[in-house]
Amino acid sequence: MNVLVIEDNIHIGDAVSAHVVASGHCVDWCVNIEEATCRLIARNYDLVLLDLRLPDGNGLSLLREMRQGSNKTPVIIITAQDQYSDRLAGMNGGADDFLVKPFDLGELSSRMKLIKP
């Protein structure tokens, strides 16, 4: 599976990316919406792991752009935003799943297995 990780926290991005690679997947990792947009145009992904609070905006805006266009790549939101309204906005915005930080990497793997590439 080709996975795009969009996470600006270096420690979390590194841990998630290393875990996904160790699980046998290919990973690209970027830290902002601008770079993520370029990667989504340049390459097809089987899954996007998307943080919501990014230095150049809210990940929900990227998700909405993806869904308004032809990009139906599955998205799992990974965020510290844990309010019900945040989860609802993510799911209504087109996310396939929602994980609140901190989360167990094993749980991430389990949720990734539910995504069909």
C-alpha atoms as a PDB file:
ATOM      1  CA  MET A   1       0.000   0.000   0.000  1.00  0.00           C
ATOM      2  CA  ASN A   2       1.256   3.509  -0.846  1.00  0.00           C
ATOM      3  CA  VAL A   3       0.582   5.795   2.128  1.00  0.00           C
ATOM      4  CA  LEU A   4       0.866   9.570   2.402  1.00  0.00           C
ATOM      5  CA  VAL A   5       1.454  10.820   5.953  1.00  0.00           C
ATOM      6  CA  ILE A   6       0.617  14.497   6.462  1.00  0.00           C
ATOM      7  CA  GLU A   7       1.927  15.392   9.928  1.00  0.00           C
ATOM      8  CA  ASP A   8       3.925  18.430  11.032  1.00  0.00           C
ATOM      9  CA  ASN A   9       5.082  17.030  14.373  1.00  0.00           C
ATOM     10  CA  ILE A  10       8.479  15.496  13.609  1.00  0.00           C
ATOM     11  CA  HIS A  11       8.326  12.899  16.402  1.00  0.00           C
ATOM     12  CA  ILE A  12       4.833  11.693  15.483  1.00  0.00           C
ATOM     13  CA  GLY A  13       5.479  11.813  11.740  1.00  0.00           C
ATOM     14  CA  ASP A  14       8.698   9.858  12.132  1.00  0.00           C
ATOM     15  CA  ALA A  15       7.114   7.237  14.411  1.00  0.00           C
ATOM     16  CA  VAL A  16       4.042   6.767  12.208  1.00  0.00           C
ATOM     17  CA  SER A  17       6.100   6.624   9.004  1.00  0.00           C
ATOM     18  CA  ALA A  18       8.585   4.131  10.463  1.00  0.00           C
ATOM     19  CA  HIS A  19       5.747   1.955  11.756  1.00  0.00           C
ATOM     20  CA  VAL A  20       3.947   1.964   8.410  1.00  0.00           C
ATOM     21  CA  VAL A  21       7.170   1.085   6.562  1.00  0.00           C
ATOM     22  CA  ALA A  22       7.905  -1.698   9.078  1.00  0.00           C
ATOM     23  CA  SER A  23       4.435  -3.061   8.276  1.00  0.00           C
ATOM     24  CA  GLY A  24       5.484  -3.453   4.646  1.00  0.00           C
ATOM     25  CA  HIS A  25       4.020  -0.332   3.089  1.00  0.00           C
ATOM     26  CA  CYS A  26       5.572   2.525   1.110  1.00  0.00           C
ATOM     27  CA  VAL A  27       5.399   5.953   2.754  1.00  0.00           C
ATOM     28  CA  ASP A  28       5.744   9.559   1.688  1.00  0.00           C
ATOM     29  CA  TRP A  29       5.670  12.078   4.517  1.00  0.00           C
ATOM     30  CA  CYS A  30       5.035  15.791   4.297  1.00  0.00           C
ATOM     31  CA  VAL A  31       4.543  18.473   6.915  1.00  0.00           C
ATOM     32  CA  ASN A  32       2.090  20.938   5.366  1.00  0.00           C
ATOM     33  CA  ILE A  33      -0.903  21.274   3.066  1.00  0.00           C
ATOM     34  CA  GLU A  34       1.054  22.846   0.215  1.00  0.00           C
ATOM     35  CA  GLU A  35       3.459  19.925  -0.042  1.00  0.00           C
ATOM     36  CA  ALA A  36       0.633  17.408   0.456  1.00  0.00           C
ATOM     37  CA  THR A  37      -1.345  18.952  -2.394  1.00  0.00           C
ATOM     38  CA  CYS A  38       1.659  18.620  -4.708  1.00  0.00           C
ATOM     39  CA  ARG A  39       2.194  14.988  -3.741  1.00  0.00           C
ATOM     40  CA  LEU A  40      -1.491  14.129  -4.187  1.00  0.00           C
ATOM     41  CA  ILE A  41      -1.353  15.569  -7.710  1.00  0.00           C
ATOM     42  CA  ALA A  42       1.911  13.813  -8.597  1.00  0.00           C
ATOM     43  CA  ARG A  43       1.161  10.330  -7.247  1.00  0.00           C
ATOM     44  CA  ASN A  44      -1.703   7.985  -6.489  1.00  0.00           C
ATOM     45  CA  TYR A  45      -1.974   6.839  -2.884  1.00  0.00           C
ATOM     46  CA  ASP A  46      -3.928   3.998  -1.342  1.00  0.00           C
ATOM     47  CA  LEU A  47      -4.314   5.804   1.985  1.00  0.00           C
ATOM     48  CA  VAL A  48      -3.752   9.246   3.504  1.00  0.00           C
ATOM     49  CA  LEU A  49      -3.024   9.731   7.221  1.00  0.00           C
ATOM     50  CA  LEU A  50      -3.999  13.352   7.810  1.00  0.00           C
ATOM     51  CA  ASP A  51      -3.336  15.649  10.747  1.00  0.00           C
ATOM     52  CA  LEU A  52      -5.779  18.530  11.132  1.00  0.00           C
ATOM     53  CA  ARG A  53      -3.585  21.252  12.650  1.00  0.00           C
ATOM     54  CA  LEU A  54      -0.934  22.026  10.078  1.00  0.00           C
ATOM     55  CA  PRO A  55       1.309  25.096   9.832  1.00  0.00           C
ATOM     56  CA  ASP A  56      -0.363  26.392   6.667  1.00  0.00           C
ATOM     57  CA  GLY A  57      -3.975  25.586   7.486  1.00  0.00           C
ATOM     58  CA  ASN A  58      -6.501  23.025   8.609  1.00  0.00           C
ATOM     59  CA  GLY A  59      -6.306  19.514   7.186  1.00  0.00           C
ATOM     60  CA  LEU A  60     -10.094  19.539   6.803  1.00  0.00           C
ATOM     61  CA  SER A  61      -9.723  22.044   3.976  1.00  0.00           C
ATOM     62  CA  LEU A  62      -7.420  19.631   2.147  1.00  0.00           C
ATOM     63  CA  LEU A  63      -9.841  16.771   2.773  1.00  0.00           C
ATOM     64  CA  ARG A  64     -12.742  18.809   1.385  1.00  0.00           C
ATOM     65  CA  GLU A  65     -10.695  19.702  -1.712  1.00  0.00           C
ATOM     66  CA  MET A  66      -9.897  16.037  -2.245  1.00  0.00           C
ATOM     67  CA  ARG A  67     -13.542  15.011  -1.956  1.00  0.00           C
ATOM     68  CA  GLN A  68     -14.831  17.846  -4.163  1.00  0.00           C
ATOM     69  CA  GLY A  69     -12.419  16.740  -6.859  1.00  0.00           C
ATOM     70  CA  SER A  70     -11.999  13.238  -8.185  1.00  0.00           C
ATOM     71  CA  ASN A  71      -9.703  12.043  -5.361  1.00  0.00           C
ATOM     72  CA  LYS A  72     -11.495   9.355  -3.369  1.00  0.00           C
ATOM     73  CA  THR A  73      -8.367   8.055  -1.601  1.00  0.00           C
ATOM     74  CA  PRO A  74      -9.278   6.723   1.861  1.00  0.00           C
ATOM     75  CA  VAL A  75      -8.312   9.127   4.651  1.00  0.00           C
ATOM     76  CA  ILE A  76      -7.705   8.419   8.317  1.00  0.00           C
ATOM     77  CA  ILE A  77      -7.535  11.620  10.341  1.00  0.00           C
ATOM     78  CA  ILE A  78      -4.874  11.554  13.069  1.00  0.00           C
ATOM     79  CA  THR A  79      -5.239  14.527  15.389  1.00  0.00           C
ATOM     80  CA  ALA A  80      -5.143  15.770  18.951  1.00  0.00           C
ATOM     81  CA  GLN A  81      -8.484  17.492  18.383  1.00  0.00           C
ATOM     82  CA  ASP A  82     -10.734  15.230  20.415  1.00  0.00           C
ATOM     83  CA  GLN A  83     -14.070  16.993  20.635  1.00  0.00           C
ATOM     84  CA  TYR A  84     -17.171  15.316  19.247  1.00  0.00           C
ATOM     85  CA  SER A  85     -17.581  18.282  16.891  1.00  0.00           C
ATOM     86  CA  ASP A  86     -14.076  17.653  15.490  1.00  0.00           C
ATOM     87  CA  ARG A  87     -14.838  13.983  14.842  1.00  0.00           C
ATOM     88  CA  LEU A  88     -18.167  14.856  13.276  1.00  0.00           C
ATOM     89  CA  ALA A  89     -16.596  17.519  11.040  1.00  0.00           C
ATOM     90  CA  GLY A  90     -13.933  15.048   9.918  1.00  0.00           C
ATOM     91  CA  MET A  91     -16.366  12.282   9.107  1.00  0.00           C
ATOM     92  CA  ASN A  92     -18.808  14.679   7.434  1.00  0.00           C
ATOM     93  CA  GLY A  93     -15.874  16.127   5.482  1.00  0.00           C
ATOM     94  CA  GLY A  94     -15.173  12.757   3.920  1.00  0.00           C
ATOM     95  CA  ALA A  95     -12.773  10.993   6.288  1.00  0.00           C
ATOM     96  CA  ASP A  96     -12.973   7.219   6.431  1.00  0.00           C
ATOM     97  CA  ASP A  97     -11.769   7.022  10.033  1.00  0.00           C
ATOM     98  CA  PHE A  98     -10.605   9.248  12.893  1.00  0.00           C
ATOM     99  CA  LEU A  99      -7.872   8.557  15.466  1.00  0.00           C
ATOM    100  CA  VAL A 100      -7.215  10.853  18.416  1.00  0.00           C
ATOM    101  CA  LYS A 101      -3.610  11.388  19.536  1.00  0.00           C
ATOM    102  CA  PRO A 102      -1.994   9.846  21.368  1.00  0.00           C
ATOM    103  CA  PHE A 103      -2.935   6.541  19.777  1.00  0.00           C
ATOM    104  CA  ASP A 104      -1.347   3.123  19.786  1.00  0.00           C
ATOM    105  CA  LEU A 105       0.472   2.259  16.562  1.00  0.00           C
ATOM    106  CA  GLY A 106      -1.075  -1.201  16.724  1.00  0.00           C
ATOM    107  CA  GLU A 107      -4.511   0.403  16.592  1.00  0.00           C
ATOM    108  CA  LEU A 108      -3.417   2.410  13.558  1.00  0.00           C
ATOM    109  CA  SER A 109      -2.336  -0.829  11.856  1.00  0.00           C
ATOM    110  CA  SER A 110      -5.680  -2.438  12.620  1.00  0.00           C
ATOM    111  CA  ARG A 111      -7.573   0.481  11.167  1.00  0.00           C
ATOM    112  CA  MET A 112      -5.315   0.543   8.092  1.00  0.00           C
ATOM    113  CA  LYS A 113      -6.145  -3.123   7.462  1.00  0.00           C
ATOM    114  CA  LEU A 114      -9.811  -2.174   7.183  1.00  0.00           C
ATOM    115  CA  ILE A 115      -8.984   0.133   4.281  1.00  0.00           C
ATOM    116  CA  LYS A 116      -9.154  -1.667   0.956  1.00  0.00           C
ATOM    117  CA  PRO A 117      -6.601  -0.342  -1.564  1.00  0.00           C
END
